[in-house]
N, C-alpha and C. Protein backbone atom coordinates (compact mmCIF):
# COMPACT_ATOMS: atom_id res chain seq x y z
N MET A 1 63.86 61.75 71.15
CA MET A 1 64.83 62.12 70.31
C MET A 1 66.03 61.14 70.24
N ILE A 2 66.36 60.43 69.33
CA ILE A 2 67.56 59.54 69.42
C ILE A 2 68.84 60.26 68.90
N THR A 3 69.89 59.87 69.34
CA THR A 3 71.23 60.42 69.01
C THR A 3 71.67 59.97 67.59
N THR A 4 72.65 60.61 67.10
CA THR A 4 73.26 60.04 65.85
C THR A 4 73.78 58.71 65.95
N GLU A 5 74.49 58.44 67.04
CA GLU A 5 75.03 57.05 67.26
C GLU A 5 74.01 56.06 67.26
N GLU A 6 72.88 56.29 68.03
CA GLU A 6 71.77 55.23 67.99
C GLU A 6 71.14 55.18 66.66
N LEU A 7 70.99 56.13 65.88
CA LEU A 7 70.35 56.08 64.64
C LEU A 7 71.33 55.21 63.80
N LEU A 8 72.46 55.44 63.70
CA LEU A 8 73.38 54.66 62.92
C LEU A 8 73.46 53.24 63.38
N ARG A 9 73.38 52.91 64.76
CA ARG A 9 73.26 51.62 65.17
C ARG A 9 72.08 50.85 64.65
N ARG A 10 71.02 51.50 64.73
CA ARG A 10 69.70 50.89 64.15
C ARG A 10 69.67 50.65 62.64
N VAL A 11 70.26 51.66 61.94
CA VAL A 11 70.30 51.40 60.52
C VAL A 11 71.29 50.38 60.20
N GLY A 12 72.33 50.32 60.96
CA GLY A 12 73.48 49.35 60.83
C GLY A 12 72.99 47.89 60.87
N ARG A 13 71.81 47.71 61.51
CA ARG A 13 71.25 46.30 61.71
C ARG A 13 70.37 45.88 60.59
N ILE A 14 70.15 46.76 59.67
CA ILE A 14 69.27 46.39 58.44
C ILE A 14 70.09 45.47 57.62
N GLU A 15 69.29 44.39 57.13
CA GLU A 15 70.05 43.33 56.35
C GLU A 15 70.41 43.97 55.06
N GLY A 16 71.67 43.73 54.81
CA GLY A 16 72.30 44.09 53.56
C GLY A 16 73.07 45.32 53.55
N VAL A 17 73.06 46.10 54.83
CA VAL A 17 73.70 47.34 54.96
C VAL A 17 75.28 47.06 54.73
N LEU A 18 75.77 47.91 53.86
CA LEU A 18 77.36 47.96 53.83
C LEU A 18 77.87 49.19 54.67
N ALA A 19 77.17 50.41 54.55
CA ALA A 19 77.63 51.54 55.19
C ALA A 19 76.43 52.40 55.37
N ALA A 20 76.49 53.24 56.36
CA ALA A 20 75.53 54.31 56.61
C ALA A 20 76.32 55.57 57.10
N CYS A 21 75.91 56.75 56.62
CA CYS A 21 76.55 57.86 57.20
C CYS A 21 75.51 59.05 57.27
N ILE A 22 75.80 60.03 58.11
CA ILE A 22 74.86 61.26 58.36
C ILE A 22 75.86 62.28 57.82
N VAL A 23 75.36 63.05 56.81
CA VAL A 23 76.09 63.95 55.99
C VAL A 23 75.43 65.45 56.18
N ASP A 24 76.35 66.50 56.34
CA ASP A 24 75.84 67.77 56.20
C ASP A 24 75.73 68.15 54.81
N PRO A 25 74.65 68.28 54.08
CA PRO A 25 74.60 68.55 52.70
C PRO A 25 75.08 69.80 52.19
N ALA A 26 75.25 70.79 53.12
CA ALA A 26 75.88 72.14 52.84
C ALA A 26 77.31 72.04 52.44
N THR A 27 77.96 71.19 53.23
CA THR A 27 79.56 71.03 53.31
C THR A 27 79.97 69.64 52.69
N GLY A 28 79.08 68.56 52.82
CA GLY A 28 79.53 67.27 52.46
C GLY A 28 80.28 66.60 53.54
N ALA A 29 80.38 67.27 54.80
CA ALA A 29 81.09 66.72 55.84
C ALA A 29 80.32 65.53 56.52
N VAL A 30 80.95 64.38 56.88
CA VAL A 30 80.38 63.40 57.54
C VAL A 30 80.27 63.63 59.05
N VAL A 31 78.92 63.58 59.52
CA VAL A 31 78.77 63.80 60.95
C VAL A 31 78.86 62.59 61.74
N GLY A 32 78.55 61.48 61.14
CA GLY A 32 78.70 60.07 61.85
C GLY A 32 78.61 59.09 60.83
N ALA A 33 79.20 57.88 61.00
CA ALA A 33 79.20 56.84 60.02
C ALA A 33 79.38 55.63 60.72
N THR A 34 78.83 54.51 60.07
CA THR A 34 79.12 53.09 60.35
C THR A 34 79.31 52.27 59.16
N GLN A 35 80.22 51.38 59.24
CA GLN A 35 80.63 50.68 58.00
C GLN A 35 80.82 49.20 58.28
N GLN A 36 80.11 48.31 57.52
CA GLN A 36 80.22 46.98 57.66
C GLN A 36 81.48 46.25 57.02
N ARG A 37 81.73 46.81 55.88
CA ARG A 37 82.75 46.39 54.94
C ARG A 37 83.50 47.63 54.33
N ASP A 38 84.72 47.38 53.93
CA ASP A 38 85.53 48.45 53.37
C ASP A 38 85.19 48.67 51.85
N GLU A 39 84.11 48.05 51.46
CA GLU A 39 83.77 48.07 50.02
C GLU A 39 83.38 49.56 49.65
N VAL A 40 82.87 50.25 50.48
CA VAL A 40 82.36 51.52 50.26
C VAL A 40 83.23 52.62 50.85
N ALA A 41 83.52 53.62 50.13
CA ALA A 41 84.32 54.77 50.69
C ALA A 41 83.38 55.80 51.16
N VAL A 42 83.31 55.91 52.47
CA VAL A 42 82.20 56.73 53.08
C VAL A 42 82.39 58.24 52.71
N PRO A 43 83.65 58.83 52.65
CA PRO A 43 83.75 60.18 52.27
C PRO A 43 83.26 60.45 50.84
N VAL A 44 83.45 59.57 49.94
CA VAL A 44 82.97 59.69 48.54
C VAL A 44 81.59 59.54 48.47
N VAL A 45 80.89 58.66 49.24
CA VAL A 45 79.51 58.46 49.33
C VAL A 45 78.80 59.80 49.86
N ALA A 46 79.45 60.31 50.89
CA ALA A 46 78.95 61.52 51.52
C ALA A 46 78.90 62.66 50.63
N ALA A 47 80.05 62.79 49.89
CA ALA A 47 80.06 64.04 49.03
C ALA A 47 79.06 63.80 47.92
N GLY A 48 78.90 62.56 47.33
CA GLY A 48 77.86 62.34 46.35
C GLY A 48 76.42 62.61 46.90
N ALA A 49 76.19 62.21 48.08
CA ALA A 49 74.81 62.42 48.71
C ALA A 49 74.61 63.94 48.83
N ALA A 50 75.61 64.66 49.23
CA ALA A 50 75.41 66.06 49.37
C ALA A 50 75.11 66.77 48.00
N ASP A 51 75.90 66.32 47.01
CA ASP A 51 75.63 66.94 45.69
C ASP A 51 74.24 66.53 45.14
N LEU A 52 73.88 65.34 45.40
CA LEU A 52 72.55 64.82 44.89
C LEU A 52 71.44 65.54 45.57
N VAL A 53 71.46 65.62 46.78
CA VAL A 53 70.44 66.40 47.56
C VAL A 53 70.33 67.89 47.11
N HIS A 54 71.50 68.50 46.77
CA HIS A 54 71.63 69.93 46.34
C HIS A 54 70.92 69.99 44.96
N VAL A 55 71.15 69.19 44.04
CA VAL A 55 70.69 69.13 42.69
C VAL A 55 69.11 68.96 42.67
N LEU A 56 68.76 67.90 43.54
CA LEU A 56 67.25 67.64 43.63
C LEU A 56 66.53 68.82 44.27
N GLY A 57 67.12 69.50 45.21
CA GLY A 57 66.47 70.63 45.77
C GLY A 57 66.29 71.79 44.74
N LEU A 58 67.26 71.95 44.00
CA LEU A 58 67.35 72.97 42.83
C LEU A 58 66.22 72.58 41.85
N MET A 59 66.21 71.35 41.54
CA MET A 59 65.16 70.85 40.56
C MET A 59 63.64 71.00 41.09
N SER A 60 63.45 70.69 42.30
CA SER A 60 62.08 70.87 43.00
C SER A 60 61.75 72.28 42.99
N ALA A 61 62.75 73.16 43.35
CA ALA A 61 62.43 74.64 43.48
C ALA A 61 62.01 75.08 42.10
N GLY A 62 62.84 74.76 41.03
CA GLY A 62 62.67 75.14 39.69
C GLY A 62 61.29 74.67 39.10
N LEU A 63 61.00 73.50 39.59
CA LEU A 63 59.71 72.85 38.87
C LEU A 63 58.43 73.51 39.80
N ALA A 64 58.68 74.13 40.77
CA ALA A 64 57.73 74.52 41.68
C ALA A 64 56.54 73.42 42.03
N LEU A 65 57.05 72.25 42.34
CA LEU A 65 56.21 71.14 42.70
C LEU A 65 55.59 71.23 44.00
N GLY A 66 56.12 71.97 44.93
CA GLY A 66 55.55 72.09 46.29
C GLY A 66 56.15 70.79 47.05
N GLY A 67 56.07 70.94 48.37
CA GLY A 67 56.53 69.91 49.18
C GLY A 67 58.07 70.01 49.31
N GLU A 68 58.58 69.13 50.07
CA GLU A 68 59.88 69.09 50.33
C GLU A 68 60.45 67.64 49.99
N LEU A 69 61.87 67.54 49.85
CA LEU A 69 62.47 66.27 49.60
C LEU A 69 62.49 65.48 50.74
N GLU A 70 62.09 64.16 50.62
CA GLU A 70 62.13 63.26 51.91
C GLU A 70 63.12 62.27 51.63
N ASP A 71 63.01 61.42 50.44
CA ASP A 71 63.82 60.31 50.35
C ASP A 71 64.15 60.26 48.77
N VAL A 72 65.47 59.60 48.60
CA VAL A 72 66.01 59.38 47.30
C VAL A 72 66.51 58.03 47.22
N VAL A 73 66.02 57.21 46.19
CA VAL A 73 66.53 55.83 46.15
C VAL A 73 67.27 55.77 44.80
N VAL A 74 68.64 55.36 44.82
CA VAL A 74 69.49 55.27 43.62
C VAL A 74 69.76 53.71 43.56
N THR A 75 69.46 53.25 42.26
CA THR A 75 69.67 51.80 42.19
C THR A 75 70.96 51.65 41.30
N ALA A 76 71.85 50.79 41.55
CA ALA A 76 73.04 50.46 40.84
C ALA A 76 73.11 48.98 40.69
N THR A 77 73.97 48.52 39.85
CA THR A 77 74.08 47.13 39.56
C THR A 77 74.24 46.21 40.69
N LYS A 78 75.16 46.74 41.64
CA LYS A 78 75.41 46.05 42.82
C LYS A 78 74.92 46.52 44.18
N HIS A 79 74.51 47.82 44.19
CA HIS A 79 74.11 48.43 45.47
C HIS A 79 72.83 49.24 45.20
N PHE A 80 72.13 49.43 46.33
CA PHE A 80 71.13 50.35 46.51
C PHE A 80 71.71 51.49 47.31
N HIS A 81 71.26 52.79 47.07
CA HIS A 81 71.63 53.90 47.96
C HIS A 81 70.42 54.55 48.37
N VAL A 82 70.20 54.64 49.60
CA VAL A 82 68.97 55.39 50.16
C VAL A 82 69.41 56.68 50.86
N LEU A 83 68.96 57.70 50.40
CA LEU A 83 69.14 59.04 51.05
C LEU A 83 67.92 59.43 51.80
N ARG A 84 68.00 59.85 53.12
CA ARG A 84 66.70 60.40 53.76
C ARG A 84 67.16 61.63 54.41
N VAL A 85 66.40 62.58 54.15
CA VAL A 85 66.52 63.86 54.78
C VAL A 85 65.98 63.77 56.21
N LEU A 86 66.87 64.13 57.28
CA LEU A 86 66.38 63.96 58.64
C LEU A 86 65.49 65.14 58.93
N PRO A 87 64.18 64.83 59.36
CA PRO A 87 63.22 65.73 59.51
C PRO A 87 63.18 66.68 60.72
N VAL A 88 63.57 66.05 61.87
CA VAL A 88 63.42 66.70 63.14
C VAL A 88 64.68 66.45 64.04
N GLY A 89 64.65 67.21 65.13
CA GLY A 89 65.76 66.92 66.10
C GLY A 89 66.98 67.72 65.79
N PRO A 90 68.00 67.27 66.63
CA PRO A 90 69.31 67.93 66.52
C PRO A 90 70.01 67.84 65.13
N ASP A 91 69.54 66.84 64.57
CA ASP A 91 70.11 66.41 63.11
C ASP A 91 69.28 66.97 62.02
N GLN A 92 68.23 67.89 62.24
CA GLN A 92 67.37 68.32 61.20
C GLN A 92 68.37 69.13 60.18
N GLY A 93 67.90 68.73 58.83
CA GLY A 93 68.57 69.37 57.84
C GLY A 93 69.82 68.58 57.23
N LEU A 94 70.00 67.49 58.06
CA LEU A 94 71.11 66.48 57.75
C LEU A 94 70.52 65.40 56.71
N VAL A 95 71.45 64.68 56.13
CA VAL A 95 70.92 63.63 55.29
C VAL A 95 71.53 62.27 55.75
N LEU A 96 70.67 61.29 55.81
CA LEU A 96 71.25 59.86 56.15
C LEU A 96 71.36 59.15 54.78
N MET A 97 72.48 58.70 54.61
CA MET A 97 72.85 57.92 53.38
C MET A 97 73.11 56.54 53.66
N VAL A 98 72.36 55.59 53.20
CA VAL A 98 72.55 54.15 53.47
C VAL A 98 72.92 53.35 52.19
N THR A 99 73.95 52.64 52.30
CA THR A 99 74.31 51.80 51.09
C THR A 99 74.04 50.33 51.46
N LEU A 100 73.31 49.76 50.46
CA LEU A 100 72.85 48.44 50.76
C LEU A 100 73.55 47.51 49.60
N GLU A 101 73.93 46.27 49.91
CA GLU A 101 74.36 45.35 48.97
C GLU A 101 73.04 44.68 48.25
N ARG A 102 72.99 44.92 47.02
CA ARG A 102 71.71 44.61 46.33
C ARG A 102 71.37 43.11 46.43
N ALA A 103 72.29 42.28 46.46
CA ALA A 103 72.10 40.73 46.45
C ALA A 103 71.58 40.28 47.80
N LEU A 104 71.74 41.13 48.85
CA LEU A 104 71.36 40.74 50.17
C LEU A 104 70.14 41.53 50.78
N ALA A 105 70.01 42.69 50.26
CA ALA A 105 68.85 43.60 50.77
C ALA A 105 67.63 43.43 50.05
N ARG A 106 66.56 43.69 50.77
CA ARG A 106 65.16 43.81 50.23
C ARG A 106 64.85 45.25 50.33
N LEU A 107 64.83 45.99 49.16
CA LEU A 107 64.68 47.43 49.19
C LEU A 107 63.50 47.98 49.90
N ALA A 108 62.35 47.41 49.65
CA ALA A 108 61.14 47.97 50.15
C ALA A 108 61.29 47.81 51.73
N ILE A 109 61.80 46.62 52.25
CA ILE A 109 61.91 46.45 53.65
C ILE A 109 62.84 47.40 54.30
N ALA A 110 64.02 47.51 53.73
CA ALA A 110 65.11 48.37 54.15
C ALA A 110 64.58 49.82 54.13
N HIS A 111 63.80 50.21 53.15
CA HIS A 111 63.37 51.67 53.08
C HIS A 111 62.41 51.86 54.17
N ARG A 112 61.44 50.93 54.40
CA ARG A 112 60.66 51.04 55.59
C ARG A 112 61.34 51.24 56.86
N GLU A 113 62.31 50.39 57.11
CA GLU A 113 63.12 50.39 58.38
C GLU A 113 63.85 51.61 58.57
N ILE A 114 64.42 52.21 57.51
CA ILE A 114 65.04 53.48 57.45
C ILE A 114 64.03 54.64 57.91
N ARG A 115 62.87 54.55 57.34
CA ARG A 115 61.89 55.70 57.61
C ARG A 115 61.41 55.46 59.07
N THR A 116 61.28 54.31 59.58
CA THR A 116 60.96 54.16 60.97
C THR A 116 61.96 54.57 61.83
N ALA A 117 63.31 54.16 61.51
CA ALA A 117 64.28 54.60 62.34
C ALA A 117 64.53 56.22 62.59
N THR A 118 64.07 56.79 61.46
CA THR A 118 64.27 58.35 61.48
C THR A 118 62.95 59.07 61.86
N ALA A 119 61.88 58.21 62.15
CA ALA A 119 60.60 59.02 62.54
C ALA A 119 60.74 59.76 63.77
N PRO A 120 59.98 60.90 63.84
CA PRO A 120 60.00 61.69 65.11
C PRO A 120 59.44 60.98 66.24
């Protein structure tokens, strides 16, 4: 089981990462964060991540699709935002939010590295 700090260290090494934070989706509170540049306001991103996970959870339940939310990828003109529900360990139920600079990051590779970093 890796610690919050180690997870953020691993994710922080992904090419193109601007910021990463672990968020309690119930409250929007930041449990841990790392930031490469001041371009991203971590508390704002954390609150948005919590809201997005909540809305998607309601949608999934309402649609009765079965299964659970794992990842969400949001693309913007300058950034990619990857949200990953932490599946096991002391951080279970928390969400990892990673913001990537679109011009530098390779989304598929970053997504795979995030999944690997959070694997049980």
